Amino acid sequence: MSSFDEREKGFEKKFAHDEELQFKVSARRNKYIGKWASKILGYNPDQEKEYIQSVIKADFAEAGDDDVFRKVKEDLKDHNISDEDIRKKMDELNEKAKSDFK
């Protein structure tokens, strides 16, 4: 095997690892954002679990974070939480999720 082929395989493995890690970080962030929103919504533990799952599933609607943002925004519309506050919380919880995997 040539060194070029070895390097290519190495890059492919790194790419696959990075993609898997990003998926895990996003799922963890979605769990955290679901937990945060469920507290605002006043959910009991069973409702909280169900809500967290619905936030995680919302992320599969499309690529990126907009699907999760729209879901949380719609769910919190009666609680006076601004778009900026939701985005800021998502960013904060994304950093927390990243640190969970370091």
PDB file of N, CA and C in Angstrom:
ATOM      1  N   MET A   1       0.855  -1.180   0.000  1.00  0.00           N
ATOM      2  CA  MET A   1       0.000   0.000   0.000  1.00  0.00           C
ATOM      3  C   MET A   1       0.896   1.237   0.000  1.00  0.00           C
ATOM      4  N   SER A   2       0.580   2.168  -0.850  1.00  0.00           N
ATOM      5  CA  SER A   2       1.407   3.371  -0.929  1.00  0.00           C
ATOM      6  C   SER A   2       1.111   4.305   0.234  1.00  0.00           C
ATOM      7  N   SER A   3       2.025   5.208   0.469  1.00  0.00           N
ATOM      8  CA  SER A   3       1.832   6.166   1.566  1.00  0.00           C
ATOM      9  C   SER A   3       0.624   7.065   1.287  1.00  0.00           C
ATOM     10  N   PHE A   4       0.346   7.303   0.014  1.00  0.00           N
ATOM     11  CA  PHE A   4      -0.837   8.100  -0.327  1.00  0.00           C
ATOM     12  C   PHE A   4      -2.111   7.383   0.110  1.00  0.00           C
ATOM     13  N   ASP A   5      -2.194   6.082  -0.159  1.00  0.00           N
ATOM     14  CA  ASP A   5      -3.365   5.293   0.243  1.00  0.00           C
ATOM     15  C   ASP A   5      -3.505   5.258   1.761  1.00  0.00           C
ATOM     16  N   GLU A   6      -2.381   5.133   2.450  1.00  0.00           N
ATOM     17  CA  GLU A   6      -2.404   5.117   3.907  1.00  0.00           C
ATOM     18  C   GLU A   6      -2.905   6.461   4.454  1.00  0.00           C
ATOM     19  N   ARG A   7      -2.418   7.538   3.878  1.00  0.00           N
ATOM     20  CA  ARG A   7      -2.861   8.873   4.308  1.00  0.00           C
ATOM     21  C   ARG A   7      -4.348   9.051   4.036  1.00  0.00           C
ATOM     22  N   GLU A   8      -4.804   8.586   2.871  1.00  0.00           N
ATOM     23  CA  GLU A   8      -6.220   8.704   2.521  1.00  0.00           C
ATOM     24  C   GLU A   8      -7.085   7.946   3.535  1.00  0.00           C
ATOM     25  N   LYS A   9      -6.688   6.734   3.861  1.00  0.00           N
ATOM     26  CA  LYS A   9      -7.432   5.947   4.852  1.00  0.00           C
ATOM     27  C   LYS A   9      -7.414   6.642   6.213  1.00  0.00           C
ATOM     28  N   GLY A  10      -6.290   7.235   6.566  1.00  0.00           N
ATOM     29  CA  GLY A  10      -6.184   7.968   7.823  1.00  0.00           C
ATOM     30  C   GLY A  10      -7.146   9.144   7.862  1.00  0.00           C
ATOM     31  N   PHE A  11      -7.220   9.896   6.765  1.00  0.00           N
ATOM     32  CA  PHE A  11      -8.150  11.028   6.686  1.00  0.00           C
ATOM     33  C   PHE A  11      -9.598  10.563   6.754  1.00  0.00           C
ATOM     34  N   GLU A  12      -9.893   9.448   6.096  1.00  0.00           N
ATOM     35  CA  GLU A  12     -11.252   8.906   6.129  1.00  0.00           C
ATOM     36  C   GLU A  12     -11.647   8.506   7.545  1.00  0.00           C
ATOM     37  N   LYS A  13     -10.726   7.864   8.267  1.00  0.00           N
ATOM     38  CA  LYS A  13     -11.005   7.473   9.650  1.00  0.00           C
ATOM     39  C   LYS A  13     -11.212   8.691  10.535  1.00  0.00           C
ATOM     40  N   LYS A  14     -10.378   9.703  10.346  1.00  0.00           N
ATOM     41  CA  LYS A  14     -10.518  10.921  11.141  1.00  0.00           C
ATOM     42  C   LYS A  14     -11.852  11.602  10.841  1.00  0.00           C
ATOM     43  N   PHE A  15     -12.214  11.671   9.576  1.00  0.00           N
ATOM     44  CA  PHE A  15     -13.480  12.279   9.194  1.00  0.00           C
ATOM     45  C   PHE A  15     -14.645  11.532   9.835  1.00  0.00           C
ATOM     46  N   ALA A  16     -14.627  10.206   9.769  1.00  0.00           N
ATOM     47  CA  ALA A  16     -15.699   9.396  10.360  1.00  0.00           C
ATOM     48  C   ALA A  16     -15.755   9.612  11.866  1.00  0.00           C
ATOM     49  N   HIS A  17     -14.610   9.665  12.506  1.00  0.00           N
ATOM     50  CA  HIS A  17     -14.562   9.906  13.955  1.00  0.00           C
ATOM     51  C   HIS A  17     -15.124  11.279  14.295  1.00  0.00           C
ATOM     52  N   ASP A  18     -14.719  12.299  13.540  1.00  0.00           N
ATOM     53  CA  ASP A  18     -15.191  13.661  13.793  1.00  0.00           C
ATOM     54  C   ASP A  18     -16.702  13.778  13.601  1.00  0.00           C
ATOM     55  N   GLU A  19     -17.216  13.108  12.573  1.00  0.00           N
ATOM     56  CA  GLU A  19     -18.656  13.128  12.328  1.00  0.00           C
ATOM     57  C   GLU A  19     -19.420  12.438  13.457  1.00  0.00           C
ATOM     58  N   GLU A  20     -18.916  11.322  13.927  1.00  0.00           N
ATOM     59  CA  GLU A  20     -19.548  10.605  15.024  1.00  0.00           C
ATOM     60  C   GLU A  20     -19.529  11.449  16.302  1.00  0.00           C
ATOM     61  N   LEU A  21     -18.412  12.090  16.552  1.00  0.00           N
ATOM     62  CA  LEU A  21     -18.295  12.939  17.731  1.00  0.00           C
ATOM     63  C   LEU A  21     -19.273  14.108  17.647  1.00  0.00           C
ATOM     64  N   GLN A  22     -19.386  14.729  16.472  1.00  0.00           N
ATOM     65  CA  GLN A  22     -20.322  15.846  16.309  1.00  0.00           C
ATOM     66  C   GLN A  22     -21.763  15.397  16.530  1.00  0.00           C
ATOM     67  N   PHE A  23     -22.092  14.214  16.065  1.00  0.00           N
ATOM     68  CA  PHE A  23     -23.430  13.659  16.280  1.00  0.00           C
ATOM     69  C   PHE A  23     -23.696  13.489  17.769  1.00  0.00           C
ATOM     70  N   LYS A  24     -22.725  12.937  18.488  1.00  0.00           N
ATOM     71  CA  LYS A  24     -22.876  12.730  19.928  1.00  0.00           C
ATOM     72  C   LYS A  24     -23.012  14.060  20.668  1.00  0.00           C
ATOM     73  N   VAL A  25     -22.212  15.043  20.281  1.00  0.00           N
ATOM     74  CA  VAL A  25     -22.283  16.367  20.916  1.00  0.00           C
ATOM     75  C   VAL A  25     -23.653  16.992  20.674  1.00  0.00           C
ATOM     76  N   SER A  26     -24.139  16.907  19.442  1.00  0.00           N
ATOM     77  CA  SER A  26     -25.455  17.482  19.123  1.00  0.00           C
ATOM     78  C   SER A  26     -26.567  16.789  19.906  1.00  0.00           C
ATOM     79  N   ALA A  27     -26.501  15.474  19.987  1.00  0.00           N
ATOM     80  CA  ALA A  27     -27.523  14.738  20.739  1.00  0.00           C
ATOM     81  C   ALA A  27     -27.486  15.119  22.216  1.00  0.00           C
ATOM     82  N   ARG A  28     -26.294  15.263  22.769  1.00  0.00           N
ATOM     83  CA  ARG A  28     -26.163  15.652  24.174  1.00  0.00           C
ATOM     84  C   ARG A  28     -26.662  17.072  24.382  1.00  0.00           C
ATOM     85  N   ARG A  29     -26.325  17.972  23.450  1.00  0.00           N
ATOM     86  CA  ARG A  29     -26.810  19.344  23.531  1.00  0.00           C
ATOM     87  C   ARG A  29     -28.339  19.380  23.483  1.00  0.00           C
ATOM     88  N   ASN A  30     -28.918  18.571  22.612  1.00  0.00           N
ATOM     89  CA  ASN A  30     -30.374  18.522  22.500  1.00  0.00           C
ATOM     90  C   ASN A  30     -31.012  17.999  23.781  1.00  0.00           C
ATOM     91  N   LYS A  31     -30.343  17.049  24.414  1.00  0.00           N
ATOM     92  CA  LYS A  31     -30.830  16.547  25.703  1.00  0.00           C
ATOM     93  C   LYS A  31     -30.822  17.680  26.725  1.00  0.00           C
ATOM     94  N   TYR A  32     -29.727  18.415  26.771  1.00  0.00           N
ATOM     95  CA  TYR A  32     -29.625  19.524  27.714  1.00  0.00           C
ATOM     96  C   TYR A  32     -30.649  20.625  27.427  1.00  0.00           C
ATOM     97  N   ILE A  33     -30.847  20.945  26.159  1.00  0.00           N
ATOM     98  CA  ILE A  33     -31.810  22.011  25.819  1.00  0.00           C
ATOM     99  C   ILE A  33     -33.226  21.546  26.139  1.00  0.00           C
ATOM    100  N   GLY A  34     -33.494  20.258  25.931  1.00  0.00           N
ATOM    101  CA  GLY A  34     -34.803  19.713  26.293  1.00  0.00           C
ATOM    102  C   GLY A  34     -35.042  19.773  27.789  1.00  0.00           C
ATOM    103  N   LYS A  35     -34.016  19.476  28.553  1.00  0.00           N
ATOM    104  CA  LYS A  35     -34.107  19.529  30.013  1.00  0.00           C
ATOM    105  C   LYS A  35     -34.345  20.971  30.474  1.00  0.00           C
ATOM    106  N   TRP A  36     -33.616  21.896  29.891  1.00  0.00           N
ATOM    107  CA  TRP A  36     -33.761  23.319  30.214  1.00  0.00           C
ATOM    108  C   TRP A  36     -35.181  23.802  29.911  1.00  0.00           C
ATOM    109  N   ALA A  37     -35.662  23.509  28.708  1.00  0.00           N
ATOM    110  CA  ALA A  37     -36.998  23.959  28.305  1.00  0.00           C
ATOM    111  C   ALA A  37     -38.087  23.291  29.136  1.00  0.00           C
ATOM    112  N   SER A  38     -37.896  22.028  29.471  1.00  0.00           N
ATOM    113  CA  SER A  38     -38.920  21.327  30.254  1.00  0.00           C
ATOM    114  C   SER A  38     -39.062  21.927  31.651  1.00  0.00           C
ATOM    115  N   LYS A  39     -37.963  22.439  32.201  1.00  0.00           N
ATOM    116  CA  LYS A  39     -38.040  23.120  33.506  1.00  0.00           C
ATOM    117  C   LYS A  39     -38.887  24.383  33.380  1.00  0.00           C
ATOM    118  N   ILE A  40     -38.681  25.139  32.312  1.00  0.00           N
ATOM    119  CA  ILE A  40     -39.466  26.356  32.075  1.00  0.00           C
ATOM    120  C   ILE A  40     -40.940  25.996  31.897  1.00  0.00           C
ATOM    121  N   LEU A  41     -41.192  24.892  31.209  1.00  0.00           N
ATOM    122  CA  LEU A  41     -42.566  24.463  30.950  1.00  0.00           C
ATOM    123  C   LEU A  41     -43.222  23.825  32.175  1.00  0.00           C
ATOM    124  N   GLY A  42     -42.433  23.569  33.209  1.00  0.00           N
ATOM    125  CA  GLY A  42     -42.971  23.017  34.447  1.00  0.00           C
ATOM    126  C   GLY A  42     -43.351  21.547  34.375  1.00  0.00           C
ATOM    127  N   TYR A  43     -42.624  20.796  33.565  1.00  0.00           N
ATOM    128  CA  TYR A  43     -42.942  19.390  33.386  1.00  0.00           C
ATOM    129  C   TYR A  43     -42.479  18.543  34.568  1.00  0.00           C
ATOM    130  N   ASN A  44     -43.236  17.481  34.847  1.00  0.00           N
ATOM    131  CA  ASN A  44     -42.826  16.508  35.856  1.00  0.00           C
ATOM    132  C   ASN A  44     -41.774  15.590  35.226  1.00  0.00           C
ATOM    133  N   PRO A  45     -41.118  14.723  36.016  1.00  0.00           N
ATOM    134  CA  PRO A  45     -40.039  13.887  35.463  1.00  0.00           C
ATOM    135  C   PRO A  45     -40.440  13.027  34.255  1.00  0.00           C
ATOM    136  N   ASP A  46     -41.629  12.475  34.268  1.00  0.00           N
ATOM    137  CA  ASP A  46     -42.061  11.667  33.116  1.00  0.00           C
ATOM    138  C   ASP A  46     -42.269  12.535  31.881  1.00  0.00           C
ATOM    139  N   GLN A  47     -42.896  13.682  32.067  1.00  0.00           N
ATOM    140  CA  GLN A  47     -43.097  14.609  30.948  1.00  0.00           C
ATOM    141  C   GLN A  47     -41.750  15.114  30.434  1.00  0.00           C
ATOM    142  N   GLU A  48     -40.823  15.358  31.364  1.00  0.00           N
ATOM    143  CA  GLU A  48     -39.495  15.832  30.987  1.00  0.00           C
ATOM    144  C   GLU A  48     -38.802  14.823  30.084  1.00  0.00           C
ATOM    145  N   LYS A  49     -38.818  13.556  30.444  1.00  0.00           N
ATOM    146  CA  LYS A  49     -38.192  12.510  29.625  1.00  0.00           C
ATOM    147  C   LYS A  49     -38.791  12.485  28.224  1.00  0.00           C
ATOM    148  N   GLU A  50     -40.110  12.540  28.170  1.00  0.00           N
ATOM    149  CA  GLU A  50     -40.806  12.517  26.884  1.00  0.00           C
ATOM    150  C   GLU A  50     -40.453  13.752  26.052  1.00  0.00           C
ATOM    151  N   TYR A  51     -40.403  14.895  26.719  1.00  0.00           N
ATOM    152  CA  TYR A  51     -40.078  16.147  26.011  1.00  0.00           C
ATOM    153  C   TYR A  51     -38.638  16.112  25.484  1.00  0.00           C
ATOM    154  N   ILE A  52     -37.710  15.641  26.300  1.00  0.00           N
ATOM    155  CA  ILE A  52     -36.316  15.553  25.853  1.00  0.00           C
ATOM    156  C   ILE A  52     -36.230  14.685  24.601  1.00  0.00           C
ATOM    157  N   GLN A  53     -36.936  13.567  24.587  1.00  0.00           N
ATOM    158  CA  GLN A  53     -36.937  12.694  23.411  1.00  0.00           C
ATOM    159  C   GLN A  53     -37.507  13.424  22.186  1.00  0.00           C
ATOM    160  N   SER A  54     -38.531  14.241  22.400  1.00  0.00           N
ATOM    161  CA  SER A  54     -39.121  14.970  21.272  1.00  0.00           C
ATOM    162  C   SER A  54     -38.154  16.013  20.714  1.00  0.00           C
ATOM    163  N   VAL A  55     -37.347  16.610  21.575  1.00  0.00           N
ATOM    164  CA  VAL A  55     -36.339  17.576  21.111  1.00  0.00           C
ATOM    165  C   VAL A  55     -35.248  16.853  20.330  1.00  0.00           C
ATOM    166  N   ILE A  56     -34.802  15.720  20.844  1.00  0.00           N
ATOM    167  CA  ILE A  56     -33.778  14.935  20.150  1.00  0.00           C
ATOM    168  C   ILE A  56     -34.294  14.500  18.774  1.00  0.00           C
ATOM    169  N   LYS A  57     -35.536  14.039  18.719  1.00  0.00           N
ATOM    170  CA  LYS A  57     -36.121  13.608  17.438  1.00  0.00           C
ATOM    171  C   LYS A  57     -36.292  14.782  16.473  1.00  0.00           C
ATOM    172  N   ALA A  58     -36.573  15.963  17.007  1.00  0.00           N
ATOM    173  CA  ALA A  58     -36.760  17.141  16.151  1.00  0.00           C
ATOM    174  C   ALA A  58     -35.497  17.428  15.348  1.00  0.00           C
ATOM    175  N   ASP A  59     -34.348  17.067  15.879  1.00  0.00           N
ATOM    176  CA  ASP A  59     -33.084  17.351  15.196  1.00  0.00           C
ATOM    177  C   ASP A  59     -32.918  16.551  13.917  1.00  0.00           C
ATOM    178  N   PHE A  60     -33.716  15.511  13.728  1.00  0.00           N
ATOM    179  CA  PHE A  60     -33.617  14.698  12.524  1.00  0.00           C
ATOM    180  C   PHE A  60     -34.460  15.249  11.368  1.00  0.00           C
ATOM    181  N   ALA A  61     -35.186  16.337  11.599  1.00  0.00           N
ATOM    182  CA  ALA A  61     -36.052  16.899  10.558  1.00  0.00           C
ATOM    183  C   ALA A  61     -35.247  17.467   9.391  1.00  0.00           C
ATOM    184  N   GLU A  62     -34.121  18.104   9.699  1.00  0.00           N
ATOM    185  CA  GLU A  62     -33.287  18.694   8.654  1.00  0.00           C
ATOM    186  C   GLU A  62     -31.874  18.864   9.193  1.00  0.00           C
ATOM    187  N   ALA A  63     -30.957  19.145   8.304  1.00  0.00           N
ATOM    188  CA  ALA A  63     -29.575  19.369   8.728  1.00  0.00           C
ATOM    189  C   ALA A  63     -29.470  20.685   9.489  1.00  0.00           C
ATOM    190  N   GLY A  64     -28.567  20.735  10.430  1.00  0.00           N
ATOM    191  CA  GLY A  64     -28.357  21.957  11.200  1.00  0.00           C
ATOM    192  C   GLY A  64     -29.213  22.002  12.447  1.00  0.00           C
ATOM    193  N   ASP A  65     -29.154  23.145  13.116  1.00  0.00           N
ATOM    194  CA  ASP A  65     -29.820  23.316  14.405  1.00  0.00           C
ATOM    195  C   ASP A  65     -31.168  24.028  14.322  1.00  0.00           C
ATOM    196  N   ASP A  66     -31.548  24.488  13.156  1.00  0.00           N
ATOM    197  CA  ASP A  66     -32.777  25.283  13.044  1.00  0.00           C
ATOM    198  C   ASP A  66     -34.027  24.496  13.415  1.00  0.00           C
ATOM    199  N   ASP A  67     -34.040  23.201  13.147  1.00  0.00           N
ATOM    200  CA  ASP A  67     -35.216  22.397  13.488  1.00  0.00           C
ATOM    201  C   ASP A  67     -35.412  22.333  15.001  1.00  0.00           C
ATOM    202  N   VAL A  68     -34.330  22.173  15.747  1.00  0.00           N
ATOM    203  CA  VAL A  68     -34.415  22.157  17.207  1.00  0.00           C
ATOM    204  C   VAL A  68     -34.811  23.535  17.723  1.00  0.00           C
ATOM    205  N   PHE A  69     -34.182  24.565  17.172  1.00  0.00           N
ATOM    206  CA  PHE A  69     -34.503  25.928  17.577  1.00  0.00           C
ATOM    207  C   PHE A  69     -35.992  26.219  17.387  1.00  0.00           C
ATOM    208  N   ARG A  70     -36.524  25.881  16.214  1.00  0.00           N
ATOM    209  CA  ARG A  70     -37.949  26.150  15.935  1.00  0.00           C
ATOM    210  C   ARG A  70     -38.859  25.406  16.902  1.00  0.00           C
ATOM    211  N   LYS A  71     -38.523  24.173  17.211  1.00  0.00           N
ATOM    212  CA  LYS A  71     -39.351  23.399  18.145  1.00  0.00           C
ATOM    213  C   LYS A  71     -39.358  24.047  19.521  1.00  0.00           C
ATOM    214  N   VAL A  72     -38.188  24.354  20.034  1.00  0.00           N
ATOM    215  CA  VAL A  72     -38.097  24.948  21.369  1.00  0.00           C
ATOM    216  C   VAL A  72     -38.764  26.322  21.381  1.00  0.00           C
ATOM    217  N   LYS A  73     -38.546  27.100  20.326  1.00  0.00           N
ATOM    218  CA  LYS A  73     -39.167  28.426  20.239  1.00  0.00           C
ATOM    219  C   LYS A  73     -40.691  28.303  20.280  1.00  0.00           C
ATOM    220  N   GLU A  74     -41.235  27.374  19.512  1.00  0.00           N
ATOM    221  CA  GLU A  74     -42.691  27.177  19.479  1.00  0.00           C
ATOM    222  C   GLU A  74     -43.201  26.733  20.852  1.00  0.00           C
ATOM    223  N   ASP A  75     -42.476  25.839  21.489  1.00  0.00           N
ATOM    224  CA  ASP A  75     -42.907  25.320  22.786  1.00  0.00           C
ATOM    225  C   ASP A  75     -42.833  26.373  23.893  1.00  0.00           C
ATOM    226  N   LEU A  76     -41.903  27.314  23.752  1.00  0.00           N
ATOM    227  CA  LEU A  76     -41.721  28.342  24.788  1.00  0.00           C
ATOM    228  C   LEU A  76     -42.378  29.680  24.439  1.00  0.00           C
ATOM    229  N   LYS A  77     -43.183  29.705  23.377  1.00  0.00           N
ATOM    230  CA  LYS A  77     -43.735  30.976  22.899  1.00  0.00           C
ATOM    231  C   LYS A  77     -44.565  31.706  23.952  1.00  0.00           C
ATOM    232  N   ASP A  78     -45.169  30.998  24.876  1.00  0.00           N
ATOM    233  CA  ASP A  78     -46.000  31.635  25.899  1.00  0.00           C
ATOM    234  C   ASP A  78     -45.220  31.950  27.177  1.00  0.00           C
ATOM    235  N   HIS A  79     -43.899  31.805  27.143  1.00  0.00           N
ATOM    236  CA  HIS A  79     -43.093  32.000  28.345  1.00  0.00           C
ATOM    237  C   HIS A  79     -42.114  33.168  28.241  1.00  0.00           C
ATOM    238  N   ASN A  80     -42.309  34.027  27.266  1.00  0.00           N
ATOM    239  CA  ASN A  80     -41.530  35.257  27.149  1.00  0.00           C
ATOM    240  C   ASN A  80     -40.019  34.996  27.079  1.00  0.00           C
ATOM    241  N   ILE A  81     -39.634  33.990  26.300  1.00  0.00           N
ATOM    242  CA  ILE A  81     -38.220  33.681  26.076  1.00  0.00           C
ATOM    243  C   ILE A  81     -37.890  34.130  24.647  1.00  0.00           C
ATOM    244  N   SER A  82     -36.913  35.014  24.521  1.00  0.00           N
ATOM    245  CA  SER A  82     -36.581  35.569  23.202  1.00  0.00           C
ATOM    246  C   SER A  82     -35.791  34.569  22.358  1.00  0.00           C
ATOM    247  N   ASP A  83     -35.798  34.813  21.045  1.00  0.00           N
ATOM    248  CA  ASP A  83     -35.001  34.000  20.128  1.00  0.00           C
ATOM    249  C   ASP A  83     -33.533  34.048  20.539  1.00  0.00           C
ATOM    250  N   GLU A  84     -33.079  35.234  20.902  1.00  0.00           N
ATOM    251  CA  GLU A  84     -31.687  35.411  21.306  1.00  0.00           C
ATOM    252  C   GLU A  84     -31.360  34.577  22.547  1.00  0.00           C
ATOM    253  N   ASP A  85     -32.279  34.553  23.499  1.00  0.00           N
ATOM    254  CA  ASP A  85     -32.060  33.758  24.712  1.00  0.00           C
ATOM    255  C   ASP A  85     -31.969  32.263  24.390  1.00  0.00           C
ATOM    256  N   ILE A  86     -32.817  31.804  23.480  1.00  0.00           N
ATOM    257  CA  ILE A  86     -32.795  30.385  23.092  1.00  0.00           C
ATOM    258  C   ILE A  86     -31.484  30.063  22.381  1.00  0.00           C
ATOM    259  N   ARG A  87     -31.086  30.901  21.443  1.00  0.00           N
ATOM    260  CA  ARG A  87     -29.825  30.674  20.703  1.00  0.00           C
ATOM    261  C   ARG A  87     -28.630  30.697  21.654  1.00  0.00           C
ATOM    262  N   LYS A  88     -28.640  31.643  22.581  1.00  0.00           N
ATOM    263  CA  LYS A  88     -27.551  31.757  23.544  1.00  0.00           C
ATOM    264  C   LYS A  88     -27.482  30.495  24.409  1.00  0.00           C
ATOM    265  N   LYS A  89     -28.635  30.011  24.850  1.00  0.00           N
ATOM    266  CA  LYS A  89     -28.680  28.803  25.671  1.00  0.00           C
ATOM    267  C   LYS A  89     -28.218  27.591  24.860  1.00  0.00           C
ATOM    268  N   MET A  90     -28.621  27.522  23.591  1.00  0.00           N
ATOM    269  CA  MET A  90     -28.181  26.419  22.737  1.00  0.00           C
ATOM    270  C   MET A  90     -26.660  26.434  22.587  1.00  0.00           C
ATOM    271  N   ASP A  91     -26.077  27.618  22.384  1.00  0.00           N
ATOM    272  CA  ASP A  91     -24.620  27.731  22.261  1.00  0.00           C
ATOM    273  C   ASP A  91     -23.929  27.321  23.556  1.00  0.00           C
ATOM    274  N   GLU A  92     -24.467  27.794  24.665  1.00  0.00           N
ATOM    275  CA  GLU A  92     -23.907  27.472  25.976  1.00  0.00           C
ATOM    276  C   GLU A  92     -23.950  25.962  26.229  1.00  0.00           C
ATOM    277  N   LEU A  93     -25.081  25.361  25.936  1.00  0.00           N
ATOM    278  CA  LEU A  93     -25.228  23.928  26.173  1.00  0.00           C
ATOM    279  C   LEU A  93     -24.438  23.094  25.173  1.00  0.00           C
ATOM    280  N   ASN A  94     -24.191  23.642  23.986  1.00  0.00           N
ATOM    281  CA  ASN A  94     -23.330  22.965  23.013  1.00  0.00           C
ATOM    282  C   ASN A  94     -21.899  22.896  23.554  1.00  0.00           C
ATOM    283  N   GLU A  95     -21.440  23.980  24.147  1.00  0.00           N
ATOM    284  CA  GLU A  95     -20.099  23.990  24.745  1.00  0.00           C
ATOM    285  C   GLU A  95     -20.023  23.003  25.907  1.00  0.00           C
ATOM    286  N   LYS A  96     -21.080  22.948  26.714  1.00  0.00           N
ATOM    287  CA  LYS A  96     -21.121  21.987  27.818  1.00  0.00           C
ATOM    288  C   LYS A  96     -21.059  20.565  27.274  1.00  0.00           C
ATOM    289  N   ALA A  97     -21.823  20.300  26.216  1.00  0.00           N
ATOM    290  CA  ALA A  97     -21.826  18.961  25.613  1.00  0.00           C
ATOM    291  C   ALA A  97     -20.449  18.616  25.052  1.00  0.00           C
ATOM    292  N   LYS A  98     -19.785  19.563  24.415  1.00  0.00           N
ATOM    293  CA  LYS A  98     -18.430  19.322  23.893  1.00  0.00           C
ATOM    294  C   LYS A  98     -17.484  18.936  25.026  1.00  0.00           C
ATOM    295  N   SER A  99     -17.586  19.647  26.134  1.00  0.00           N
ATOM    296  CA  SER A  99     -16.681  19.370  27.255  1.00  0.00           C
ATOM    297  C   SER A  99     -16.959  17.999  27.863  1.00  0.00           C
ATOM    298  N   ASP A 100     -18.169  17.474  27.705  1.00  0.00           N
ATOM    299  CA  ASP A 100     -18.486  16.131  28.192  1.00  0.00           C
ATOM    300  C   ASP A 100     -17.685  15.053  27.466  1.00  0.00           C
ATOM    301  N   PHE A 101     -17.235  15.350  26.244  1.00  0.00           N
ATOM    302  CA  PHE A 101     -16.548  14.355  25.426  1.00  0.00           C
ATOM    303  C   PHE A 101     -15.044  14.585  25.344  1.00  0.00           C
ATOM    304  N   LYS A 102     -14.508  15.465  26.167  1.00  0.00           N
ATOM    305  CA  LYS A 102     -13.065  15.719  26.162  1.00  0.00           C
ATOM    306  C   LYS A 102     -12.360  14.792  27.105  1.00  0.00           C
TER     307      LYS A 102
END
